[in-house]
Amino acid sequence: MMMFFKALNIPLRVVLSGLFAVGCFLSPAIAFESSVEASPLEPVEIISLRQENSKTFDLGDGTRQITSMGAIHYKDNYADSREGWKDIDLIWEGNRITKAPYELTLEGKKLTIRNKKTSEVSTIELLDIEGVSVSESLDWDMFGEVAKIKDIALDTDLEIVAENGAVKFTRILKSDKAPSEAKFKVTGNWRVRASDEEGDLPVVSTLKDGVLTEGLGLAGRPVKYPVRIDPTWQVGGDEGSTDDITRNTVTTDFFSTTYAALYLGYSSPSYPSRGSAARFLNVAI
């Protein structure tokens, strides 16, 4: 190489200066290429290690990571141990959601749910709002996991909210002018809750001859609208209490035995008590 430059009559110091400049130019590019090659690999899920509540990832450096966030997988047949766990997908397909621990079908004002774990079928059908009958055919708008009807009654919207382990048939009361009471024809296990942006609100509900009547109770504070009243069905609704803050207890003294609810963390030195273990359903951390 040097003989080539000598034949061209180019001074050595010019050749060395040129090589130095080229090296300075290439160094950042070489460094950039090295940094790209050294970037960490994307985690890859190990499908065979899926569980109902967790995913396992290979991080590519000999380590694994487990993430757990409540029920995130489902099976079509929970009795089949050979069936793999599949990702829950709550997007409406027409009037149905099927990629979940349940099958959900919406027909007009009636909702039908088949629990894939137990094969039990639960239904809820909106009959009337404050005594005014609801039309048999309702035009729902689907937005991802939510089906919605606006202004079904005065200052009132309806929503069907699908969750990984629960389904809610929700009335949204947008002001204090909205009618409070509604009636539903139901089968299966449904629990009524109400809330505003400040938290839970008291509800008044009765179940007679398969008709659920719900309404707002008297709150001990100002109500901040909108208010959501949610008749809610859970995948594990009949497997145990869905009230996660209490457990059963038996308290005794010399004269009597009392059955009551024991709040988690409760203790009293004045009398002996014992409580059952707490069972949590559909918990996400």
C-alpha atoms as a PDB file:
ATOM      1  CA  MET A   1       0.000   0.000   0.000  1.00  0.00           C
ATOM      2  CA  MET A   2       2.767   2.430   0.947  1.00  0.00           C
ATOM      3  CA  MET A   3       4.634   1.616  -2.303  1.00  0.00           C
ATOM      4  CA  PHE A   4       1.441   2.581  -4.165  1.00  0.00           C
ATOM      5  CA  PHE A   5       1.338   6.042  -2.545  1.00  0.00           C
ATOM      6  CA  LYS A   6       5.122   6.427  -3.085  1.00  0.00           C
ATOM      7  CA  ALA A   7       4.674   5.655  -6.776  1.00  0.00           C
ATOM      8  CA  LEU A   8       2.067   8.389  -6.938  1.00  0.00           C
ATOM      9  CA  ASN A   9       4.573  10.771  -5.358  1.00  0.00           C
ATOM     10  CA  ILE A  10       2.270  11.471  -2.331  1.00  0.00           C
ATOM     11  CA  PRO A  11       4.108  12.504   0.872  1.00  0.00           C
ATOM     12  CA  LEU A  12       3.857  10.081   3.811  1.00  0.00           C
ATOM     13  CA  ARG A  13       2.497  12.736   6.185  1.00  0.00           C
ATOM     14  CA  VAL A  14      -0.451  13.347   3.843  1.00  0.00           C
ATOM     15  CA  VAL A  15      -1.254   9.638   3.731  1.00  0.00           C
ATOM     16  CA  LEU A  16      -1.155   9.329   7.537  1.00  0.00           C
ATOM     17  CA  SER A  17      -3.360  12.407   7.967  1.00  0.00           C
ATOM     18  CA  GLY A  18      -5.929  10.953   5.577  1.00  0.00           C
ATOM     19  CA  LEU A  19      -6.006   7.625   7.371  1.00  0.00           C
ATOM     20  CA  PHE A  20      -6.489   9.409  10.710  1.00  0.00           C
ATOM     21  CA  ALA A  21      -9.468  11.376   9.334  1.00  0.00           C
ATOM     22  CA  VAL A  22     -11.093   8.243   7.936  1.00  0.00           C
ATOM     23  CA  GLY A  23     -10.667   6.516  11.305  1.00  0.00           C
ATOM     24  CA  CYS A  24     -12.363   9.393  13.128  1.00  0.00           C
ATOM     25  CA  PHE A  25     -15.258   9.235  10.695  1.00  0.00           C
ATOM     26  CA  LEU A  26     -15.773   5.482  11.032  1.00  0.00           C
ATOM     27  CA  SER A  27     -15.382   5.238  14.826  1.00  0.00           C
ATOM     28  CA  PRO A  28     -18.896   6.514  15.732  1.00  0.00           C
ATOM     29  CA  ALA A  29     -20.445   4.184  13.160  1.00  0.00           C
ATOM     30  CA  ILE A  30     -18.546   1.206  14.563  1.00  0.00           C
ATOM     31  CA  ALA A  31     -19.526   2.188  18.099  1.00  0.00           C
ATOM     32  CA  PHE A  32     -23.175   2.540  17.061  1.00  0.00           C
ATOM     33  CA  GLU A  33     -23.141  -0.868  15.408  1.00  0.00           C
ATOM     34  CA  SER A  34     -21.662  -2.397  18.569  1.00  0.00           C
ATOM     35  CA  SER A  35     -24.330  -0.774  20.744  1.00  0.00           C
ATOM     36  CA  VAL A  36     -27.094  -2.129  18.511  1.00  0.00           C
ATOM     37  CA  GLU A  37     -25.702  -5.631  18.721  1.00  0.00           C
ATOM     38  CA  ALA A  38     -25.486  -5.340  22.529  1.00  0.00           C
ATOM     39  CA  SER A  39     -29.130  -4.235  23.006  1.00  0.00           C
ATOM     40  CA  PRO A  40     -31.206  -6.601  25.180  1.00  0.00           C
ATOM     41  CA  LEU A  41     -33.452  -9.164  23.525  1.00  0.00           C
ATOM     42  CA  GLU A  42     -37.226  -8.777  23.619  1.00  0.00           C
ATOM     43  CA  PRO A  43     -38.873 -11.074  26.213  1.00  0.00           C
ATOM     44  CA  VAL A  44     -40.534 -14.097  24.597  1.00  0.00           C
ATOM     45  CA  GLU A  45     -43.528 -15.727  26.258  1.00  0.00           C
ATOM     46  CA  ILE A  46     -43.251 -19.464  26.977  1.00  0.00           C
ATOM     47  CA  ILE A  47     -46.758 -20.513  25.968  1.00  0.00           C
ATOM     48  CA  SER A  48     -46.496 -23.974  27.524  1.00  0.00           C
ATOM     49  CA  LEU A  49     -45.998 -22.424  30.992  1.00  0.00           C
ATOM     50  CA  ARG A  50     -49.168 -20.330  30.938  1.00  0.00           C
ATOM     51  CA  GLN A  51     -51.471 -20.525  33.937  1.00  0.00           C
ATOM     52  CA  GLU A  52     -54.911 -18.976  34.369  1.00  0.00           C
ATOM     53  CA  ASN A  53     -53.461 -15.990  36.235  1.00  0.00           C
ATOM     54  CA  SER A  54     -49.905 -15.703  34.925  1.00  0.00           C
ATOM     55  CA  LYS A  55     -47.508 -15.539  31.980  1.00  0.00           C
ATOM     56  CA  THR A  56     -43.872 -16.674  31.941  1.00  0.00           C
ATOM     57  CA  PHE A  57     -41.283 -14.935  29.745  1.00  0.00           C
ATOM     58  CA  ASP A  58     -37.805 -15.973  28.602  1.00  0.00           C
ATOM     59  CA  LEU A  59     -35.635 -12.860  28.947  1.00  0.00           C
ATOM     60  CA  GLY A  60     -32.937 -14.284  26.668  1.00  0.00           C
ATOM     61  CA  ASP A  61     -30.100 -14.155  29.193  1.00  0.00           C
ATOM     62  CA  GLY A  62     -30.792 -17.415  31.007  1.00  0.00           C
ATOM     63  CA  THR A  63     -33.453 -15.878  33.262  1.00  0.00           C
ATOM     64  CA  ARG A  64     -37.250 -15.946  33.258  1.00  0.00           C
ATOM     65  CA  GLN A  65     -39.897 -13.517  34.410  1.00  0.00           C
ATOM     66  CA  ILE A  66     -43.373 -14.379  35.707  1.00  0.00           C
ATOM     67  CA  THR A  67     -46.135 -11.772  35.600  1.00  0.00           C
ATOM     68  CA  SER A  68     -49.422 -12.263  37.448  1.00  0.00           C
ATOM     69  CA  MET A  69     -52.387  -9.897  37.160  1.00  0.00           C
ATOM     70  CA  GLY A  70     -55.536 -11.817  37.982  1.00  0.00           C
ATOM     71  CA  ALA A  71     -57.348 -14.038  35.487  1.00  0.00           C
ATOM     72  CA  ILE A  72     -55.858 -13.316  32.057  1.00  0.00           C
ATOM     73  CA  HIS A  73     -56.319 -16.700  30.323  1.00  0.00           C
ATOM     74  CA  TYR A  74     -59.291 -18.960  29.685  1.00  0.00           C
ATOM     75  CA  LYS A  75     -60.224 -22.385  28.372  1.00  0.00           C
ATOM     76  CA  ASP A  76     -63.240 -23.402  26.342  1.00  0.00           C
ATOM     77  CA  ASN A  77     -63.361 -26.678  28.280  1.00  0.00           C
ATOM     78  CA  TYR A  78     -62.030 -26.352  31.822  1.00  0.00           C
ATOM     79  CA  ALA A  79     -62.424 -30.094  32.369  1.00  0.00           C
ATOM     80  CA  ASP A  80     -59.860 -30.830  29.641  1.00  0.00           C
ATOM     81  CA  SER A  81     -56.385 -30.750  31.199  1.00  0.00           C
ATOM     82  CA  ARG A  82     -54.809 -31.048  27.738  1.00  0.00           C
ATOM     83  CA  GLU A  83     -56.337 -27.825  26.450  1.00  0.00           C
ATOM     84  CA  GLY A  84     -53.901 -24.924  26.568  1.00  0.00           C
ATOM     85  CA  TRP A  85     -54.640 -21.562  28.140  1.00  0.00           C
ATOM     86  CA  LYS A  86     -55.673 -18.832  25.696  1.00  0.00           C
ATOM     87  CA  ASP A  87     -55.536 -15.029  25.994  1.00  0.00           C
ATOM     88  CA  ILE A  88     -58.793 -13.421  27.080  1.00  0.00           C
ATOM     89  CA  ASP A  89     -60.154 -11.066  24.405  1.00  0.00           C
ATOM     90  CA  LEU A  90     -63.243  -9.074  25.385  1.00  0.00           C
ATOM     91  CA  ILE A  91     -63.890  -7.368  22.047  1.00  0.00           C
ATOM     92  CA  TRP A  92     -67.481  -7.800  20.872  1.00  0.00           C
ATOM     93  CA  GLU A  93     -67.916  -9.966  17.782  1.00  0.00           C
ATOM     94  CA  GLY A  94     -71.364  -9.018  16.580  1.00  0.00           C
ATOM     95  CA  ASN A  95     -73.558  -9.466  19.658  1.00  0.00           C
ATOM     96  CA  ARG A  96     -71.265 -11.976  21.400  1.00  0.00           C
ATOM     97  CA  ILE A  97     -68.090 -12.282  23.445  1.00  0.00           C
ATOM     98  CA  THR A  98     -66.661 -15.813  23.482  1.00  0.00           C
ATOM     99  CA  LYS A  99     -62.914 -15.516  24.158  1.00  0.00           C
ATOM    100  CA  ALA A 100     -63.326 -15.402  27.926  1.00  0.00           C
ATOM    101  CA  PRO A 101     -64.128 -17.726  30.849  1.00  0.00           C
ATOM    102  CA  TYR A 102     -67.757 -17.240  29.782  1.00  0.00           C
ATOM    103  CA  GLU A 103     -69.896 -16.849  26.659  1.00  0.00           C
ATOM    104  CA  LEU A 104     -71.830 -13.593  26.564  1.00  0.00           C
ATOM    105  CA  THR A 105     -74.779 -13.019  24.219  1.00  0.00           C
ATOM    106  CA  LEU A 106     -76.704  -9.737  23.976  1.00  0.00           C
ATOM    107  CA  GLU A 107     -80.175  -9.844  22.414  1.00  0.00           C
ATOM    108  CA  GLY A 108     -82.187  -6.642  22.681  1.00  0.00           C
ATOM    109  CA  LYS A 109     -82.600  -5.929  26.383  1.00  0.00           C
ATOM    110  CA  LYS A 110     -81.593  -9.437  27.505  1.00  0.00           C
ATOM    111  CA  LEU A 111     -78.121 -10.660  28.400  1.00  0.00           C
ATOM    112  CA  THR A 112     -77.283 -14.388  28.548  1.00  0.00           C
ATOM    113  CA  ILE A 113     -74.068 -15.673  30.121  1.00  0.00           C
ATOM    114  CA  ARG A 114     -72.797 -19.259  30.068  1.00  0.00           C
ATOM    115  CA  ASN A 115     -70.103 -19.933  32.648  1.00  0.00           C
ATOM    116  CA  LYS A 116     -67.489 -22.132  30.944  1.00  0.00           C
ATOM    117  CA  LYS A 117     -66.197 -23.342  34.315  1.00  0.00           C
ATOM    118  CA  THR A 118     -69.543 -24.691  35.528  1.00  0.00           C
ATOM    119  CA  SER A 119     -71.739 -24.689  32.356  1.00  0.00           C
ATOM    120  CA  GLU A 120     -74.345 -22.755  34.360  1.00  0.00           C
ATOM    121  CA  VAL A 121     -76.410 -20.183  32.461  1.00  0.00           C
ATOM    122  CA  SER A 122     -77.362 -16.815  33.976  1.00  0.00           C
ATOM    123  CA  THR A 123     -79.592 -14.163  32.418  1.00  0.00           C
ATOM    124  CA  ILE A 124     -80.629 -10.584  33.071  1.00  0.00           C
ATOM    125  CA  GLU A 125     -83.346  -8.700  31.199  1.00  0.00           C
ATOM    126  CA  LEU A 126     -84.229  -5.051  31.764  1.00  0.00           C
ATOM    127  CA  LEU A 127     -88.015  -4.810  32.317  1.00  0.00           C
ATOM    128  CA  ASP A 128     -88.664  -1.189  33.223  1.00  0.00           C
ATOM    129  CA  ILE A 129     -87.129   2.009  34.553  1.00  0.00           C
ATOM    130  CA  GLU A 130     -89.219   3.759  37.218  1.00  0.00           C
ATOM    131  CA  GLY A 131     -92.301   1.884  36.019  1.00  0.00           C
ATOM    132  CA  VAL A 132     -91.832   2.701  32.309  1.00  0.00           C
ATOM    133  CA  SER A 133     -91.438  -0.424  30.177  1.00  0.00           C
ATOM    134  CA  VAL A 134     -88.324  -0.779  28.024  1.00  0.00           C
ATOM    135  CA  SER A 135     -88.606  -1.598  24.322  1.00  0.00           C
ATOM    136  CA  GLU A 136     -87.946  -5.214  23.291  1.00  0.00           C
ATOM    137  CA  SER A 137     -85.495  -4.119  20.580  1.00  0.00           C
ATOM    138  CA  LEU A 138     -82.623  -1.881  21.625  1.00  0.00           C
ATOM    139  CA  ASP A 139     -79.938  -0.451  19.337  1.00  0.00           C
ATOM    140  CA  TRP A 140     -76.589  -0.958  21.075  1.00  0.00           C
ATOM    141  CA  ASP A 141     -73.333   0.749  20.101  1.00  0.00           C
ATOM    142  CA  MET A 142     -70.260  -1.465  20.578  1.00  0.00           C
ATOM    143  CA  PHE A 143     -66.977   0.123  21.705  1.00  0.00           C
ATOM    144  CA  GLY A 144     -64.334  -2.534  22.317  1.00  0.00           C
ATOM    145  CA  GLU A 145     -65.350  -4.207  25.594  1.00  0.00           C
ATOM    146  CA  VAL A 146     -68.417  -1.998  26.166  1.00  0.00           C
ATOM    147  CA  ALA A 147     -71.898  -1.982  24.620  1.00  0.00           C
ATOM    148  CA  LYS A 148     -73.754   1.270  25.232  1.00  0.00           C
ATOM    149  CA  ILE A 149     -77.110   2.997  24.729  1.00  0.00           C
ATOM    150  CA  LYS A 150     -77.411   6.705  25.420  1.00  0.00           C
ATOM    151  CA  ASP A 151     -80.497   8.286  26.966  1.00  0.00           C
ATOM    152  CA  ILE A 152     -82.533   5.119  27.532  1.00  0.00           C
ATOM    153  CA  ALA A 153     -84.441   7.277  30.040  1.00  0.00           C
ATOM    154  CA  LEU A 154     -84.166  10.820  31.373  1.00  0.00           C
ATOM    155  CA  ASP A 155     -80.454  11.518  31.986  1.00  0.00           C
ATOM    156  CA  THR A 156     -79.800   7.773  31.916  1.00  0.00           C
ATOM    157  CA  ASP A 157     -77.428   5.664  29.815  1.00  0.00           C
ATOM    158  CA  LEU A 158     -77.025   1.875  29.700  1.00  0.00           C
ATOM    159  CA  GLU A 159     -73.759  -0.043  29.476  1.00  0.00           C
ATOM    160  CA  ILE A 160     -72.812  -3.700  29.269  1.00  0.00           C
ATOM    161  CA  VAL A 161     -69.257  -3.907  30.629  1.00  0.00           C
ATOM    162  CA  ALA A 162     -67.335  -7.151  30.070  1.00  0.00           C
ATOM    163  CA  GLU A 163     -64.408  -7.848  32.395  1.00  0.00           C
ATOM    164  CA  ASN A 164     -62.026 -10.798  32.658  1.00  0.00           C
ATOM    165  CA  GLY A 165     -64.020 -12.395  35.459  1.00  0.00           C
ATOM    166  CA  ALA A 166     -67.267 -10.434  35.588  1.00  0.00           C
ATOM    167  CA  VAL A 167     -70.060  -8.824  33.557  1.00  0.00           C
ATOM    168  CA  LYS A 168     -71.922  -5.654  34.557  1.00  0.00           C
ATOM    169  CA  PHE A 169     -75.318  -4.451  33.331  1.00  0.00           C
ATOM    170  CA  THR A 170     -74.875  -0.805  34.256  1.00  0.00           C
ATOM    171  CA  ARG A 171     -77.239   2.130  34.473  1.00  0.00           C
ATOM    172  CA  ILE A 172     -75.463   5.488  34.436  1.00  0.00           C
ATOM    173  CA  LEU A 173     -77.473   8.200  36.191  1.00  0.00           C
ATOM    174  CA  LYS A 174     -76.151  11.513  34.884  1.00  0.00           C
ATOM    175  CA  SER A 175     -78.035  13.809  37.265  1.00  0.00           C
ATOM    176  CA  ASP A 176     -80.390  13.777  40.233  1.00  0.00           C
ATOM    177  CA  LYS A 177     -83.270  13.998  37.727  1.00  0.00           C
ATOM    178  CA  ALA A 178     -82.520  10.482  36.454  1.00  0.00           C
ATOM    179  CA  PRO A 179     -84.961   7.798  37.655  1.00  0.00           C
ATOM    180  CA  SER A 180     -83.418   5.776  40.453  1.00  0.00           C
ATOM    181  CA  GLU A 181     -85.395   2.529  40.325  1.00  0.00           C
ATOM    182  CA  ALA A 182     -85.233  -0.224  37.709  1.00  0.00           C
ATOM    183  CA  LYS A 183     -86.491  -3.798  37.466  1.00  0.00           C
ATOM    184  CA  PHE A 184     -84.789  -6.800  35.894  1.00  0.00           C
ATOM    185  CA  LYS A 185     -85.832 -10.381  35.293  1.00  0.00           C
ATOM    186  CA  VAL A 186     -82.848 -12.481  36.392  1.00  0.00           C
ATOM    187  CA  THR A 187     -81.603 -16.038  36.758  1.00  0.00           C
ATOM    188  CA  GLY A 188     -78.341 -16.974  38.426  1.00  0.00           C
ATOM    189  CA  ASN A 189     -76.255 -14.944  40.840  1.00  0.00           C
ATOM    190  CA  TRP A 190     -76.272 -11.151  40.571  1.00  0.00           C
ATOM    191  CA  ARG A 191     -75.015  -8.582  43.030  1.00  0.00           C
ATOM    192  CA  VAL A 192     -76.016  -4.907  42.942  1.00  0.00           C
ATOM    193  CA  ARG A 193     -73.551  -2.123  43.663  1.00  0.00           C
ATOM    194  CA  ALA A 194     -73.637   1.641  43.173  1.00  0.00           C
ATOM    195  CA  SER A 195     -70.855   4.210  43.124  1.00  0.00           C
ATOM    196  CA  ASP A 196     -69.908   7.747  42.165  1.00  0.00           C
ATOM    197  CA  GLU A 197     -66.464   9.322  41.872  1.00  0.00           C
ATOM    198  CA  GLU A 198     -66.213   9.459  45.664  1.00  0.00           C
ATOM    199  CA  GLY A 199     -66.741   5.714  46.129  1.00  0.00           C
ATOM    200  CA  ASP A 200     -69.526   3.263  46.964  1.00  0.00           C
ATOM    201  CA  LEU A 201     -73.115   4.378  47.539  1.00  0.00           C
ATOM    202  CA  PRO A 202     -75.902   2.539  49.387  1.00  0.00           C
ATOM    203  CA  VAL A 203     -78.374   0.609  47.254  1.00  0.00           C
ATOM    204  CA  VAL A 204     -81.818  -0.782  47.980  1.00  0.00           C
ATOM    205  CA  SER A 205     -82.500  -4.053  46.171  1.00  0.00           C
ATOM    206  CA  THR A 206     -85.041  -6.860  46.424  1.00  0.00           C
ATOM    207  CA  LEU A 207     -85.383 -10.182  44.591  1.00  0.00           C
ATOM    208  CA  LYS A 208     -88.865 -11.700  44.371  1.00  0.00           C
ATOM    209  CA  ASP A 209     -90.150 -14.305  41.918  1.00  0.00           C
ATOM    210  CA  GLY A 210     -87.074 -13.830  39.738  1.00  0.00           C
ATOM    211  CA  VAL A 211     -87.497 -10.028  39.511  1.00  0.00           C
ATOM    212  CA  LEU A 212     -84.664  -7.883  40.811  1.00  0.00           C
ATOM    213  CA  THR A 213     -85.650  -4.352  41.853  1.00  0.00           C
ATOM    214  CA  GLU A 214     -82.835  -1.906  42.472  1.00  0.00           C
ATOM    215  CA  GLY A 215     -82.506   1.735  43.421  1.00  0.00           C
ATOM    216  CA  LEU A 216     -80.277   4.194  45.237  1.00  0.00           C
ATOM    217  CA  GLY A 217     -80.418   4.266  49.016  1.00  0.00           C
ATOM    218  CA  LEU A 218     -79.998   7.296  51.242  1.00  0.00           C
ATOM    219  CA  ALA A 219     -76.358   8.378  51.181  1.00  0.00           C
ATOM    220  CA  GLY A 220     -74.724   9.940  54.205  1.00  0.00           C
ATOM    221  CA  ARG A 221     -72.937  12.443  51.983  1.00  0.00           C
ATOM    222  CA  PRO A 222     -73.639  14.541  48.875  1.00  0.00           C
ATOM    223  CA  VAL A 223     -73.872  12.379  45.737  1.00  0.00           C
ATOM    224  CA  LYS A 224     -71.594  13.385  42.868  1.00  0.00           C
ATOM    225  CA  TYR A 225     -73.097  12.515  39.506  1.00  0.00           C
ATOM    226  CA  PRO A 226     -72.769  10.509  37.336  1.00  0.00           C
ATOM    227  CA  VAL A 227     -73.726   7.495  39.441  1.00  0.00           C
ATOM    228  CA  ARG A 228     -73.233   3.922  38.241  1.00  0.00           C
ATOM    229  CA  ILE A 229     -75.607   1.178  39.429  1.00  0.00           C
ATOM    230  CA  ASP A 230     -74.203  -2.217  38.482  1.00  0.00           C
ATOM    231  CA  PRO A 231     -76.037  -5.526  38.710  1.00  0.00           C
ATOM    232  CA  THR A 232     -72.894  -7.664  38.450  1.00  0.00           C
ATOM    233  CA  TRP A 233     -72.330 -11.340  37.595  1.00  0.00           C
ATOM    234  CA  GLN A 234     -69.020 -13.019  38.458  1.00  0.00           C
ATOM    235  CA  VAL A 235     -67.417 -16.159  37.050  1.00  0.00           C
ATOM    236  CA  GLY A 236     -66.938 -17.432  40.611  1.00  0.00           C
ATOM    237  CA  GLY A 237     -70.120 -15.858  41.914  1.00  0.00           C
ATOM    238  CA  ASP A 238     -71.487 -19.004  43.551  1.00  0.00           C
ATOM    239  CA  GLU A 239     -68.190 -20.449  44.769  1.00  0.00           C
ATOM    240  CA  GLY A 240     -67.859 -18.231  47.829  1.00  0.00           C
ATOM    241  CA  SER A 241     -68.476 -14.781  49.175  1.00  0.00           C
ATOM    242  CA  THR A 242     -67.634 -11.920  46.829  1.00  0.00           C
ATOM    243  CA  ASP A 243     -67.343  -9.563  49.792  1.00  0.00           C
ATOM    244  CA  ASP A 244     -63.577  -9.611  50.164  1.00  0.00           C
ATOM    245  CA  ILE A 245     -63.380  -7.482  53.306  1.00  0.00           C
ATOM    246  CA  THR A 246     -65.178  -9.816  55.707  1.00  0.00           C
ATOM    247  CA  ARG A 247     -65.037 -13.405  56.844  1.00  0.00           C
ATOM    248  CA  ASN A 248     -67.287 -15.480  59.071  1.00  0.00           C
ATOM    249  CA  THR A 249     -66.578 -15.701  62.779  1.00  0.00           C
ATOM    250  CA  VAL A 250     -68.000 -17.366  65.879  1.00  0.00           C
ATOM    251  CA  THR A 251     -67.703 -15.451  69.157  1.00  0.00           C
ATOM    252  CA  THR A 252     -68.497 -17.037  72.486  1.00  0.00           C
ATOM    253  CA  ASP A 253     -68.774 -16.085  76.113  1.00  0.00           C
ATOM    254  CA  PHE A 254     -70.191 -17.864  79.175  1.00  0.00           C
ATOM    255  CA  PHE A 255     -73.817 -17.144  78.226  1.00  0.00           C
ATOM    256  CA  SER A 256     -74.106 -17.201  74.424  1.00  0.00           C
ATOM    257  CA  THR A 257     -72.656 -17.892  71.001  1.00  0.00           C
ATOM    258  CA  THR A 258     -72.878 -15.216  68.312  1.00  0.00           C
ATOM    259  CA  TYR A 259     -72.391 -15.620  64.570  1.00  0.00           C
ATOM    260  CA  ALA A 260     -71.213 -12.440  62.881  1.00  0.00           C
ATOM    261  CA  ALA A 261     -68.830 -10.966  60.300  1.00  0.00           C
ATOM    262  CA  LEU A 262     -65.207 -10.462  61.208  1.00  0.00           C
ATOM    263  CA  TYR A 263     -63.319  -7.784  59.287  1.00  0.00           C
ATOM    264  CA  LEU A 264     -59.884  -8.793  58.126  1.00  0.00           C
ATOM    265  CA  GLY A 265     -57.265  -7.713  60.646  1.00  0.00           C
ATOM    266  CA  TYR A 266     -59.860  -7.482  63.467  1.00  0.00           C
ATOM    267  CA  SER A 267     -58.929  -8.591  66.974  1.00  0.00           C
ATOM    268  CA  SER A 268     -60.275  -7.984  70.473  1.00  0.00           C
ATOM    269  CA  PRO A 269     -58.777  -8.902  73.838  1.00  0.00           C
ATOM    270  CA  SER A 270     -62.201  -8.869  75.554  1.00  0.00           C
ATOM    271  CA  TYR A 271     -63.458 -12.205  74.231  1.00  0.00           C
ATOM    272  CA  PRO A 272     -62.148 -15.140  72.184  1.00  0.00           C
ATOM    273  CA  SER A 273     -62.952 -15.347  68.483  1.00  0.00           C
ATOM    274  CA  ARG A 274     -61.952 -17.411  65.507  1.00  0.00           C
ATOM    275  CA  GLY A 275     -62.489 -16.728  61.832  1.00  0.00           C
ATOM    276  CA  SER A 276     -62.343 -18.689  58.613  1.00  0.00           C
ATOM    277  CA  ALA A 277     -59.723 -18.141  55.955  1.00  0.00           C
ATOM    278  CA  ALA A 278     -60.378 -15.308  53.509  1.00  0.00           C
ATOM    279  CA  ARG A 279     -61.066 -16.180  49.896  1.00  0.00           C
ATOM    280  CA  PHE A 280     -60.471 -13.598  47.172  1.00  0.00           C
ATOM    281  CA  LEU A 281     -62.012 -13.808  43.703  1.00  0.00           C
ATOM    282  CA  ASN A 282     -60.864 -11.974  40.560  1.00  0.00           C
ATOM    283  CA  VAL A 283     -57.996 -10.192  42.272  1.00  0.00           C
ATOM    284  CA  ALA A 284     -55.493  -8.158  40.238  1.00  0.00           C
ATOM    285  CA  ILE A 285     -52.239  -6.896  41.751  1.00  0.00           C
END
